[in-house]
Full PDB file with SEQRES, HELIX, SHEET, SSBOND, CRYST1, ORIGX, SCALE, CONECT and MASTER records, all heavy atoms in Angstrom:
SEQRES   1 A   41  ILE GLU LYS ALA LEU HIS ALA THR GLN GLN VAL GLU ASP          
SEQRES   2 A   41  GLY GLY ARG ALA ARG ALA LEU ALA ALA GLN VAL ALA VAL          
SEQRES   3 A   41  LYS VAL LYS GLN ARG PHE ALA GLY ARG VAL PRO HIS ALA          
SEQRES   4 A   41  GLU ASP                                                      
HELIX    1 AA1 GLU A    2  ALA A    7  1                                   6    
HELIX    2 AA2 GLY A   14  ARG A   31  1                                  18    
CRYST1    1.000    1.000    1.000  90.00  90.00  90.00 P 1           1          
ORIGX1      1.000000  0.000000  0.000000        0.00000                         
ORIGX2      0.000000  1.000000  0.000000        0.00000                         
ORIGX3      0.000000  0.000000  1.000000        0.00000                         
SCALE1      1.000000  0.000000  0.000000        0.00000                         
SCALE2      0.000000  1.000000  0.000000        0.00000                         
SCALE3      0.000000  0.000000  1.000000        0.00000                         
ATOM      1  N   ILE A   1      -2.933  -3.703  -4.486  1.00  0.00           N  
ATOM      2  CA  ILE A   1      -3.502  -4.291  -3.273  1.00  0.00           C  
ATOM      3  C   ILE A   1      -4.922  -4.772  -3.551  1.00  0.00           C  
ATOM      4  O   ILE A   1      -5.312  -5.867  -3.143  1.00  0.00           O  
ATOM      5  CB  ILE A   1      -3.479  -3.297  -2.099  1.00  0.00           C  
ATOM      6  CG1 ILE A   1      -2.041  -3.059  -1.639  1.00  0.00           C  
ATOM      7  CG2 ILE A   1      -4.342  -3.798  -0.940  1.00  0.00           C  
ATOM      8  CD1 ILE A   1      -1.886  -1.952  -0.609  1.00  0.00           C  
ATOM      9  N   GLU A   2      -5.701  -3.967  -4.267  1.00  0.00           N  
ATOM     10  CA  GLU A   2      -7.079  -4.360  -4.567  1.00  0.00           C  
ATOM     11  C   GLU A   2      -7.112  -5.639  -5.395  1.00  0.00           C  
ATOM     12  O   GLU A   2      -7.915  -6.535  -5.128  1.00  0.00           O  
ATOM     13  CB  GLU A   2      -7.809  -3.239  -5.290  1.00  0.00           C  
ATOM     14  CG  GLU A   2      -9.294  -3.527  -5.453  1.00  0.00           C  
ATOM     15  CD  GLU A   2     -10.084  -2.314  -5.909  1.00  0.00           C  
ATOM     16  OE1 GLU A   2      -9.493  -1.273  -6.228  1.00  0.00           O  
ATOM     17  OE2 GLU A   2     -11.313  -2.425  -5.932  1.00  0.00           O  
ATOM     18  N   LYS A   3      -6.227  -5.767  -6.368  1.00  0.00           N  
ATOM     19  CA  LYS A   3      -6.171  -6.995  -7.173  1.00  0.00           C  
ATOM     20  C   LYS A   3      -5.799  -8.187  -6.307  1.00  0.00           C  
ATOM     21  O   LYS A   3      -6.365  -9.274  -6.466  1.00  0.00           O  
ATOM     22  CB  LYS A   3      -5.184  -6.824  -8.325  1.00  0.00           C  
ATOM     23  CG  LYS A   3      -5.709  -5.906  -9.399  1.00  0.00           C  
ATOM     24  CD  LYS A   3      -4.724  -5.721 -10.516  1.00  0.00           C  
ATOM     25  CE  LYS A   3      -5.300  -4.746 -11.543  1.00  0.00           C  
ATOM     26  NZ  LYS A   3      -4.446  -4.538 -12.681  1.00  0.00           N  
ATOM     27  N   ALA A   4      -4.863  -8.001  -5.381  1.00  0.00           N  
ATOM     28  CA  ALA A   4      -4.477  -9.090  -4.482  1.00  0.00           C  
ATOM     29  C   ALA A   4      -5.622  -9.452  -3.537  1.00  0.00           C  
ATOM     30  O   ALA A   4      -5.852 -10.636  -3.265  1.00  0.00           O  
ATOM     31  CB  ALA A   4      -3.235  -8.707  -3.694  1.00  0.00           C  
ATOM     32  N   LEU A   5      -6.355  -8.456  -3.052  1.00  0.00           N  
ATOM     33  CA  LEU A   5      -7.516  -8.723  -2.200  1.00  0.00           C  
ATOM     34  C   LEU A   5      -8.571  -9.524  -2.953  1.00  0.00           C  
ATOM     35  O   LEU A   5      -9.164 -10.460  -2.417  1.00  0.00           O  
ATOM     36  CB  LEU A   5      -8.117  -7.412  -1.679  1.00  0.00           C  
ATOM     37  CG  LEU A   5      -7.337  -6.690  -0.579  1.00  0.00           C  
ATOM     38  CD1 LEU A   5      -7.859  -5.268  -0.411  1.00  0.00           C  
ATOM     39  CD2 LEU A   5      -7.411  -7.451   0.730  1.00  0.00           C  
ATOM     40  N   HIS A   6      -8.798  -9.168  -4.206  1.00  0.00           N  
ATOM     41  CA  HIS A   6      -9.758  -9.912  -5.022  1.00  0.00           C  
ATOM     42  C   HIS A   6      -9.279 -11.340  -5.265  1.00  0.00           C  
ATOM     43  O   HIS A   6     -10.066 -12.287  -5.192  1.00  0.00           O  
ATOM     44  CB  HIS A   6      -9.998  -9.213  -6.364  1.00  0.00           C  
ATOM     45  CG  HIS A   6     -10.944  -8.069  -6.286  1.00  0.00           C  
ATOM     46  ND1 HIS A   6     -12.290  -8.206  -6.031  1.00  0.00           N  
ATOM     47  CD2 HIS A   6     -10.725  -6.738  -6.416  1.00  0.00           C  
ATOM     48  CE1 HIS A   6     -12.868  -7.032  -6.006  1.00  0.00           C  
ATOM     49  NE2 HIS A   6     -11.937  -6.109  -6.238  1.00  0.00           N  
ATOM     50  N   ALA A   7      -7.997 -11.498  -5.561  1.00  0.00           N  
ATOM     51  CA  ALA A   7      -7.441 -12.823  -5.857  1.00  0.00           C  
ATOM     52  C   ALA A   7      -7.575 -13.774  -4.675  1.00  0.00           C  
ATOM     53  O   ALA A   7      -7.738 -14.982  -4.860  1.00  0.00           O  
ATOM     54  CB  ALA A   7      -5.977 -12.703  -6.264  1.00  0.00           C  
ATOM     55  N   THR A   8      -7.513 -13.225  -3.465  1.00  0.00           N  
ATOM     56  CA  THR A   8      -7.616 -14.061  -2.263  1.00  0.00           C  
ATOM     57  C   THR A   8      -9.011 -14.019  -1.649  1.00  0.00           C  
ATOM     58  O   THR A   8      -9.225 -14.568  -0.576  1.00  0.00           O  
ATOM     59  CB  THR A   8      -6.588 -13.609  -1.214  1.00  0.00           C  
ATOM     60  OG1 THR A   8      -6.808 -12.226  -0.910  1.00  0.00           O  
ATOM     61  CG2 THR A   8      -5.179 -13.828  -1.703  1.00  0.00           C  
ATOM     62  N   GLN A   9      -9.919 -13.361  -2.321  1.00  0.00           N  
ATOM     63  CA  GLN A   9     -11.307 -13.228  -1.877  1.00  0.00           C  
ATOM     64  C   GLN A   9     -11.397 -12.629  -0.471  1.00  0.00           C  
ATOM     65  O   GLN A   9     -12.250 -12.986   0.317  1.00  0.00           O  
ATOM     66  CB  GLN A   9     -12.032 -14.576  -1.952  1.00  0.00           C  
ATOM     67  CG  GLN A   9     -12.068 -15.109  -3.365  1.00  0.00           C  
ATOM     68  CD  GLN A   9     -12.674 -16.480  -3.473  1.00  0.00           C  
ATOM     69  OE1 GLN A   9     -12.788 -17.213  -2.498  1.00  0.00           O  
ATOM     70  NE2 GLN A   9     -13.083 -16.834  -4.682  1.00  0.00           N  
ATOM     71  N   GLN A  10     -10.495 -11.688  -0.194  1.00  0.00           N  
ATOM     72  CA  GLN A  10     -10.511 -10.985   1.089  1.00  0.00           C  
ATOM     73  C   GLN A  10     -10.930  -9.529   0.910  1.00  0.00           C  
ATOM     74  O   GLN A  10     -10.698  -8.703   1.776  1.00  0.00           O  
ATOM     75  CB  GLN A  10      -9.124 -11.051   1.742  1.00  0.00           C  
ATOM     76  CG  GLN A  10      -8.736 -12.448   2.154  1.00  0.00           C  
ATOM     77  CD  GLN A  10      -7.426 -12.468   2.914  1.00  0.00           C  
ATOM     78  OE1 GLN A  10      -6.384 -12.136   2.383  1.00  0.00           O  
ATOM     79  NE2 GLN A  10      -7.490 -12.861   4.169  1.00  0.00           N  
ATOM     80  N   VAL A  11     -11.543  -9.236  -0.215  1.00  0.00           N  
ATOM     81  CA  VAL A  11     -11.914  -7.864  -0.520  1.00  0.00           C  
ATOM     82  C   VAL A  11     -13.232  -7.508   0.151  1.00  0.00           C  
ATOM     83  O   VAL A  11     -14.143  -8.328   0.221  1.00  0.00           O  
ATOM     84  CB  VAL A  11     -11.979  -7.613  -2.039  1.00  0.00           C  
ATOM     85  CG1 VAL A  11     -13.120  -8.371  -2.681  1.00  0.00           C  
ATOM     86  CG2 VAL A  11     -12.087  -6.149  -2.338  1.00  0.00           C  
ATOM     87  N   GLU A  12     -13.268  -6.310   0.678  1.00  0.00           N  
ATOM     88  CA  GLU A  12     -14.516  -5.780   1.200  1.00  0.00           C  
ATOM     89  C   GLU A  12     -15.020  -4.707   0.247  1.00  0.00           C  
ATOM     90  O   GLU A  12     -16.165  -4.718  -0.151  1.00  0.00           O  
ATOM     91  CB  GLU A  12     -14.307  -5.238   2.614  1.00  0.00           C  
ATOM     92  CG  GLU A  12     -13.990  -6.344   3.611  1.00  0.00           C  
ATOM     93  CD  GLU A  12     -13.494  -5.802   4.927  1.00  0.00           C  
ATOM     94  OE1 GLU A  12     -13.627  -4.602   5.194  1.00  0.00           O  
ATOM     95  OE2 GLU A  12     -12.959  -6.608   5.703  1.00  0.00           O  
ATOM     96  N   ASP A  13     -14.146  -3.808  -0.111  1.00  0.00           N  
ATOM     97  CA  ASP A  13     -14.436  -2.789  -1.117  1.00  0.00           C  
ATOM     98  C   ASP A  13     -13.125  -2.093  -1.471  1.00  0.00           C  
ATOM     99  O   ASP A  13     -12.104  -2.320  -0.833  1.00  0.00           O  
ATOM    100  CB  ASP A  13     -15.483  -1.777  -0.630  1.00  0.00           C  
ATOM    101  CG  ASP A  13     -15.057  -1.029   0.622  1.00  0.00           C  
ATOM    102  OD1 ASP A  13     -13.850  -0.756   0.782  1.00  0.00           O  
ATOM    103  OD2 ASP A  13     -15.922  -0.728   1.446  1.00  0.00           O  
ATOM    104  N   GLY A  14     -13.148  -1.252  -2.486  1.00  0.00           N  
ATOM    105  CA  GLY A  14     -11.947  -0.540  -2.903  1.00  0.00           C  
ATOM    106  C   GLY A  14     -11.419   0.398  -1.831  1.00  0.00           C  
ATOM    107  O   GLY A  14     -10.246   0.760  -1.841  1.00  0.00           O  
ATOM    108  N   GLY A  15     -12.273   0.771  -0.907  1.00  0.00           N  
ATOM    109  CA  GLY A  15     -11.858   1.671   0.165  1.00  0.00           C  
ATOM    110  C   GLY A  15     -10.791   1.056   1.047  1.00  0.00           C  
ATOM    111  O   GLY A  15      -9.891   1.753   1.522  1.00  0.00           O  
ATOM    112  N   ARG A  16     -10.871  -0.230   1.257  1.00  0.00           N  
ATOM    113  CA  ARG A  16      -9.869  -0.898   2.089  1.00  0.00           C  
ATOM    114  C   ARG A  16      -8.496  -0.840   1.416  1.00  0.00           C  
ATOM    115  O   ARG A  16      -7.493  -0.571   2.061  1.00  0.00           O  
ATOM    116  CB  ARG A  16     -10.269  -2.345   2.364  1.00  0.00           C  
ATOM    117  CG  ARG A  16      -9.343  -3.026   3.343  1.00  0.00           C  
ATOM    118  CD  ARG A  16      -9.870  -4.340   3.809  1.00  0.00           C  
ATOM    119  NE  ARG A  16      -9.144  -4.777   4.988  1.00  0.00           N  
ATOM    120  CZ  ARG A  16      -9.235  -5.967   5.505  1.00  0.00           C  
ATOM    121  NH1 ARG A  16     -10.056  -6.858   4.976  1.00  0.00           N  
ATOM    122  NH2 ARG A  16      -8.536  -6.299   6.565  1.00  0.00           N  
ATOM    123  N   ALA A  17      -8.456  -1.093   0.121  1.00  0.00           N  
ATOM    124  CA  ALA A  17      -7.188  -1.041  -0.611  1.00  0.00           C  
ATOM    125  C   ALA A  17      -6.611   0.371  -0.568  1.00  0.00           C  
ATOM    126  O   ALA A  17      -5.405   0.548  -0.361  1.00  0.00           O  
ATOM    127  CB  ALA A  17      -7.389  -1.498  -2.054  1.00  0.00           C  
ATOM    128  N   ARG A  18      -7.458   1.384  -0.720  1.00  0.00           N  
ATOM    129  CA  ARG A  18      -6.978   2.767  -0.671  1.00  0.00           C  
ATOM    130  C   ARG A  18      -6.457   3.119   0.725  1.00  0.00           C  
ATOM    131  O   ARG A  18      -5.440   3.792   0.862  1.00  0.00           O  
ATOM    132  CB  ARG A  18      -8.068   3.730  -1.107  1.00  0.00           C  
ATOM    133  CG  ARG A  18      -8.337   3.671  -2.610  1.00  0.00           C  
ATOM    134  CD  ARG A  18      -9.287   4.765  -3.073  1.00  0.00           C  
ATOM    135  NE  ARG A  18     -10.600   4.695  -2.443  1.00  0.00           N  
ATOM    136  CZ  ARG A  18     -11.605   3.916  -2.854  1.00  0.00           C  
ATOM    137  NH1 ARG A  18     -11.441   3.123  -3.901  1.00  0.00           N  
ATOM    138  NH2 ARG A  18     -12.766   3.932  -2.230  1.00  0.00           N  
ATOM    139  N   ALA A  19      -7.147   2.658   1.757  1.00  0.00           N  
ATOM    140  CA  ALA A  19      -6.708   2.930   3.128  1.00  0.00           C  
ATOM    141  C   ALA A  19      -5.370   2.252   3.418  1.00  0.00           C  
ATOM    142  O   ALA A  19      -4.478   2.856   4.033  1.00  0.00           O  
ATOM    143  CB  ALA A  19      -7.765   2.461   4.124  1.00  0.00           C  
ATOM    144  N   LEU A  20      -5.214   1.016   2.973  1.00  0.00           N  
ATOM    145  CA  LEU A  20      -3.944   0.307   3.160  1.00  0.00           C  
ATOM    146  C   LEU A  20      -2.822   1.002   2.385  1.00  0.00           C  
ATOM    147  O   LEU A  20      -1.709   1.157   2.896  1.00  0.00           O  
ATOM    148  CB  LEU A  20      -4.084  -1.152   2.729  1.00  0.00           C  
ATOM    149  CG  LEU A  20      -4.961  -2.023   3.643  1.00  0.00           C  
ATOM    150  CD1 LEU A  20      -5.327  -3.326   2.946  1.00  0.00           C  
ATOM    151  CD2 LEU A  20      -4.264  -2.283   4.970  1.00  0.00           C  
ATOM    152  N   ALA A  21      -3.112   1.423   1.164  1.00  0.00           N  
ATOM    153  CA  ALA A  21      -2.109   2.118   0.356  1.00  0.00           C  
ATOM    154  C   ALA A  21      -1.704   3.441   1.011  1.00  0.00           C  
ATOM    155  O   ALA A  21      -0.527   3.825   0.967  1.00  0.00           O  
ATOM    156  CB  ALA A  21      -2.633   2.362  -1.055  1.00  0.00           C  
ATOM    157  N   ALA A  22      -2.638   4.117   1.642  1.00  0.00           N  
ATOM    158  CA  ALA A  22      -2.322   5.368   2.346  1.00  0.00           C  
ATOM    159  C   ALA A  22      -1.381   5.093   3.513  1.00  0.00           C  
ATOM    160  O   ALA A  22      -0.439   5.868   3.748  1.00  0.00           O  
ATOM    161  CB  ALA A  22      -3.605   6.042   2.827  1.00  0.00           C  
ATOM    162  N   GLN A  23      -1.602   3.992   4.219  1.00  0.00           N  
ATOM    163  CA  GLN A  23      -0.706   3.623   5.315  1.00  0.00           C  
ATOM    164  C   GLN A  23       0.690   3.310   4.782  1.00  0.00           C  
ATOM    165  O   GLN A  23       1.698   3.686   5.387  1.00  0.00           O  
ATOM    166  CB  GLN A  23      -1.259   2.424   6.078  1.00  0.00           C  
ATOM    167  CG  GLN A  23      -2.481   2.747   6.890  1.00  0.00           C  
ATOM    168  CD  GLN A  23      -3.014   1.531   7.628  1.00  0.00           C  
ATOM    169  OE1 GLN A  23      -2.297   0.572   7.869  1.00  0.00           O  
ATOM    170  NE2 GLN A  23      -4.288   1.585   7.988  1.00  0.00           N  
ATOM    171  N   VAL A  24       0.744   2.624   3.652  1.00  0.00           N  
ATOM    172  CA  VAL A  24       2.031   2.317   3.020  1.00  0.00           C  
ATOM    173  C   VAL A  24       2.747   3.612   2.657  1.00  0.00           C  
ATOM    174  O   VAL A  24       3.948   3.765   2.915  1.00  0.00           O  
ATOM    175  CB  VAL A  24       1.835   1.418   1.775  1.00  0.00           C  
ATOM    176  CG1 VAL A  24       3.117   1.322   0.955  1.00  0.00           C  
ATOM    177  CG2 VAL A  24       1.341   0.033   2.178  1.00  0.00           C  
ATOM    178  N   ALA A  25       2.031   4.554   2.069  1.00  0.00           N  
ATOM    179  CA  ALA A  25       2.638   5.827   1.666  1.00  0.00           C  
ATOM    180  C   ALA A  25       3.227   6.565   2.869  1.00  0.00           C  
ATOM    181  O   ALA A  25       4.316   7.141   2.772  1.00  0.00           O  
ATOM    182  CB  ALA A  25       1.619   6.697   0.941  1.00  0.00           C  
ATOM    183  N   VAL A  26       2.540   6.535   3.994  1.00  0.00           N  
ATOM    184  CA  VAL A  26       3.045   7.180   5.212  1.00  0.00           C  
ATOM    185  C   VAL A  26       4.337   6.498   5.665  1.00  0.00           C  
ATOM    186  O   VAL A  26       5.327   7.166   6.001  1.00  0.00           O  
ATOM    187  CB  VAL A  26       1.982   7.158   6.335  1.00  0.00           C  
ATOM    188  CG1 VAL A  26       2.594   7.547   7.679  1.00  0.00           C  
ATOM    189  CG2 VAL A  26       0.827   8.083   5.991  1.00  0.00           C  
ATOM    190  N   LYS A  27       4.341   5.175   5.670  1.00  0.00           N  
ATOM    191  CA  LYS A  27       5.544   4.440   6.088  1.00  0.00           C  
ATOM    192  C   LYS A  27       6.714   4.717   5.144  1.00  0.00           C  
ATOM    193  O   LYS A  27       7.854   4.875   5.588  1.00  0.00           O  
ATOM    194  CB  LYS A  27       5.267   2.941   6.134  1.00  0.00           C  
ATOM    195  CG  LYS A  27       4.368   2.524   7.277  1.00  0.00           C  
ATOM    196  CD  LYS A  27       4.120   1.025   7.231  1.00  0.00           C  
ATOM    197  CE  LYS A  27       3.184   0.593   8.322  1.00  0.00           C  
ATOM    198  NZ  LYS A  27       2.951  -0.866   8.302  1.00  0.00           N  
ATOM    199  N   VAL A  28       6.444   4.754   3.848  1.00  0.00           N  
ATOM    200  CA  VAL A  28       7.503   5.041   2.870  1.00  0.00           C  
ATOM    201  C   VAL A  28       8.076   6.422   3.143  1.00  0.00           C  
ATOM    202  O   VAL A  28       9.299   6.615   3.175  1.00  0.00           O  
ATOM    203  CB  VAL A  28       6.977   4.913   1.422  1.00  0.00           C  
ATOM    204  CG1 VAL A  28       7.999   5.440   0.419  1.00  0.00           C  
ATOM    205  CG2 VAL A  28       6.611   3.468   1.105  1.00  0.00           C  
ATOM    206  N   LYS A  29       7.205   7.394   3.353  1.00  0.00           N  
ATOM    207  CA  LYS A  29       7.648   8.762   3.624  1.00  0.00           C  
ATOM    208  C   LYS A  29       8.503   8.812   4.890  1.00  0.00           C  
ATOM    209  O   LYS A  29       9.549   9.471   4.909  1.00  0.00           O  
ATOM    210  CB  LYS A  29       6.423   9.670   3.767  1.00  0.00           C  
ATOM    211  CG  LYS A  29       6.751  11.111   4.019  1.00  0.00           C  
ATOM    212  CD  LYS A  29       5.492  11.953   4.110  1.00  0.00           C  
ATOM    213  CE  LYS A  29       5.819  13.385   4.469  1.00  0.00           C  
ATOM    214  NZ  LYS A  29       4.624  14.215   4.603  1.00  0.00           N  
ATOM    215  N   GLN A  30       8.098   8.099   5.925  1.00  0.00           N  
ATOM    216  CA  GLN A  30       8.846   8.106   7.178  1.00  0.00           C  
ATOM    217  C   GLN A  30      10.210   7.432   7.029  1.00  0.00           C  
ATOM    218  O   GLN A  30      11.206   7.915   7.555  1.00  0.00           O  
ATOM    219  CB  GLN A  30       8.045   7.394   8.278  1.00  0.00           C  
ATOM    220  CG  GLN A  30       6.825   8.153   8.719  1.00  0.00           C  
ATOM    221  CD  GLN A  30       5.914   7.336   9.624  1.00  0.00           C  
ATOM    222  OE1 GLN A  30       6.008   6.109   9.693  1.00  0.00           O  
ATOM    223  NE2 GLN A  30       5.011   8.016  10.318  1.00  0.00           N  
ATOM    224  N   ARG A  31      10.245   6.325   6.327  1.00  0.00           N  
ATOM    225  CA  ARG A  31      11.485   5.541   6.237  1.00  0.00           C  
ATOM    226  C   ARG A  31      12.477   6.056   5.205  1.00  0.00           C  
ATOM    227  O   ARG A  31      13.667   5.787   5.306  1.00  0.00           O  
ATOM    228  CB  ARG A  31      11.151   4.083   5.932  1.00  0.00           C  
ATOM    229  CG  ARG A  31      10.425   3.418   7.079  1.00  0.00           C  
ATOM    230  CD  ARG A  31      10.138   1.986   6.785  1.00  0.00           C  
ATOM    231  NE  ARG A  31       9.183   1.478   7.748  1.00  0.00           N  
ATOM    232  CZ  ARG A  31       8.684   0.265   7.730  1.00  0.00           C  
ATOM    233  NH1 ARG A  31       9.060  -0.587   6.793  1.00  0.00           N  
ATOM    234  NH2 ARG A  31       7.805  -0.118   8.636  1.00  0.00           N  
ATOM    235  N   PHE A  32      11.981   6.766   4.202  1.00  0.00           N  
ATOM    236  CA  PHE A  32      12.857   7.173   3.101  1.00  0.00           C  
ATOM    237  C   PHE A  32      12.897   8.687   2.908  1.00  0.00           C  
ATOM    238  O   PHE A  32      13.172   9.157   1.815  1.00  0.00           O  
ATOM    239  CB  PHE A  32      12.436   6.475   1.802  1.00  0.00           C  
ATOM    240  CG  PHE A  32      12.675   5.003   1.861  1.00  0.00           C  
ATOM    241  CD1 PHE A  32      11.670   4.148   2.276  1.00  0.00           C  
ATOM    242  CD2 PHE A  32      13.911   4.472   1.545  1.00  0.00           C  
ATOM    243  CE1 PHE A  32      11.889   2.779   2.370  1.00  0.00           C  
ATOM    244  CE2 PHE A  32      14.141   3.109   1.627  1.00  0.00           C  
ATOM    245  CZ  PHE A  32      13.132   2.266   2.042  1.00  0.00           C  
ATOM    246  N   ALA A  33      12.656   9.422   3.960  1.00  0.00           N  
ATOM    247  CA  ALA A  33      12.683  10.884   3.890  1.00  0.00           C  
ATOM    248  C   ALA A  33      14.007  11.342   3.292  1.00  0.00           C  
ATOM    249  O   ALA A  33      15.072  10.990   3.778  1.00  0.00           O  
ATOM    250  CB  ALA A  33      12.490  11.480   5.276  1.00  0.00           C  
ATOM    251  N   GLY A  34      13.916  12.094   2.205  1.00  0.00           N  
ATOM    252  CA  GLY A  34      15.106  12.629   1.575  1.00  0.00           C  
ATOM    253  C   GLY A  34      15.843  11.653   0.680  1.00  0.00           C  
ATOM    254  O   GLY A  34      16.872  11.986   0.120  1.00  0.00           O  
ATOM    255  N   ARG A  35      15.334  10.431   0.552  1.00  0.00           N  
ATOM    256  CA  ARG A  35      15.971   9.417  -0.301  1.00  0.00           C  
ATOM    257  C   ARG A  35      14.928   8.851  -1.257  1.00  0.00           C  
ATOM    258  O   ARG A  35      13.736   8.937  -1.007  1.00  0.00           O  
ATOM    259  CB  ARG A  35      16.530   8.267   0.536  1.00  0.00           C  
ATOM    260  CG  ARG A  35      17.605   8.705   1.510  1.00  0.00           C  
ATOM    261  CD  ARG A  35      18.148   7.535   2.310  1.00  0.00           C  
ATOM    262  NE  ARG A  35      17.126   7.030   3.222  1.00  0.00           N  
ATOM    263  CZ  ARG A  35      16.953   5.744   3.512  1.00  0.00           C  
ATOM    264  NH1 ARG A  35      17.714   4.829   2.968  1.00  0.00           N  
ATOM    265  NH2 ARG A  35      16.027   5.378   4.360  1.00  0.00           N  
ATOM    266  N   VAL A  36      15.396   8.249  -2.315  1.00  0.00           N  
ATOM    267  CA  VAL A  36      14.510   7.609  -3.290  1.00  0.00           C  
ATOM    268  C   VAL A  36      14.430   6.120  -2.967  1.00  0.00           C  
ATOM    269  O   VAL A  36      15.448   5.426  -3.007  1.00  0.00           O  
ATOM    270  CB  VAL A  36      15.027   7.813  -4.732  1.00  0.00           C  
ATOM    271  CG1 VAL A  36      14.155   7.065  -5.728  1.00  0.00           C  
ATOM    272  CG2 VAL A  36      15.087   9.295  -5.077  1.00  0.00           C  
ATOM    273  N   PRO A  37      13.238   5.614  -2.638  1.00  0.00           N  
ATOM    274  CA  PRO A  37      13.119   4.183  -2.354  1.00  0.00           C  
ATOM    275  C   PRO A  37      13.151   3.362  -3.643  1.00  0.00           C  
ATOM    276  O   PRO A  37      12.810   3.858  -4.718  1.00  0.00           O  
ATOM    277  CB  PRO A  37      11.754   4.074  -1.683  1.00  0.00           C  
ATOM    278  CG  PRO A  37      10.976   5.210  -2.235  1.00  0.00           C  
ATOM    279  CD  PRO A  37      11.977   6.317  -2.471  1.00  0.00           C  
ATOM    280  N   HIS A  38      13.574   2.136  -3.516  1.00  0.00           N  
ATOM    281  CA  HIS A  38      13.514   1.191  -4.630  1.00  0.00           C  
ATOM    282  C   HIS A  38      12.139   0.529  -4.619  1.00  0.00           C  
ATOM    283  O   HIS A  38      11.479   0.449  -3.576  1.00  0.00           O  
ATOM    284  CB  HIS A  38      14.592   0.114  -4.475  1.00  0.00           C  
ATOM    285  CG  HIS A  38      15.975   0.635  -4.673  1.00  0.00           C  
ATOM    286  ND1 HIS A  38      16.659   0.512  -5.848  1.00  0.00           N  
ATOM    287  CD2 HIS A  38      16.806   1.310  -3.830  1.00  0.00           C  
ATOM    288  CE1 HIS A  38      17.846   1.070  -5.729  1.00  0.00           C  
ATOM    289  NE2 HIS A  38      17.953   1.576  -4.511  1.00  0.00           N  
ATOM    290  N   ALA A  39      11.716   0.039  -5.759  1.00  0.00           N  
ATOM    291  CA  ALA A  39      10.422  -0.640  -5.862  1.00  0.00           C  
ATOM    292  C   ALA A  39      10.330  -1.784  -4.852  1.00  0.00           C  
ATOM    293  O   ALA A  39       9.283  -1.995  -4.237  1.00  0.00           O  
ATOM    294  CB  ALA A  39      10.212  -1.153  -7.282  1.00  0.00           C  
ATOM    295  N   GLU A  40      11.433  -2.510  -4.664  1.00  0.00           N  
ATOM    296  CA  GLU A  40      11.435  -3.633  -3.723  1.00  0.00           C  
ATOM    297  C   GLU A  40      11.216  -3.170  -2.287  1.00  0.00           C  
ATOM    298  O   GLU A  40      10.576  -3.868  -1.496  1.00  0.00           O  
ATOM    299  CB  GLU A  40      12.734  -4.436  -3.816  1.00  0.00           C  
ATOM    300  CG  GLU A  40      12.887  -5.215  -5.104  1.00  0.00           C  
ATOM    301  CD  GLU A  40      13.418  -4.356  -6.264  1.00  0.00           C  
ATOM    302  OE1 GLU A  40      13.791  -3.174  -6.045  1.00  0.00           O  
ATOM    303  OE2 GLU A  40      13.436  -4.859  -7.389  1.00  0.00           O  
ATOM    304  N   ASP A  41      11.736  -1.988  -1.947  1.00  0.00           N  
ATOM    305  CA  ASP A  41      11.516  -1.431  -0.610  1.00  0.00           C  
ATOM    306  C   ASP A  41      10.026  -1.199  -0.373  1.00  0.00           C  
ATOM    307  O   ASP A  41       9.491  -1.520   0.686  1.00  0.00           O  
ATOM    308  CB  ASP A  41      12.259  -0.098  -0.443  1.00  0.00           C  
ATOM    309  CG  ASP A  41      13.765  -0.233  -0.546  1.00  0.00           C  
ATOM    310  OD1 ASP A  41      14.325  -1.232  -0.047  1.00  0.00           O  
ATOM    311  OD2 ASP A  41      14.392   0.685  -1.125  1.00  0.00           O  
TER     312      ASP A  41                                                      
MASTER        0    0    0    2    0    0    0    6  311    1    0    4          
END                                                                             
């Protein structure tokens, strides 16, 4: 995410990428509880 933010010049700091990744991790946990998600998911 941080690399993509830099590529589009929408980066504020690494904290934003970490916060977004944390939100993604929560969603993955909620949607795939007890299952293994695929990279594409």
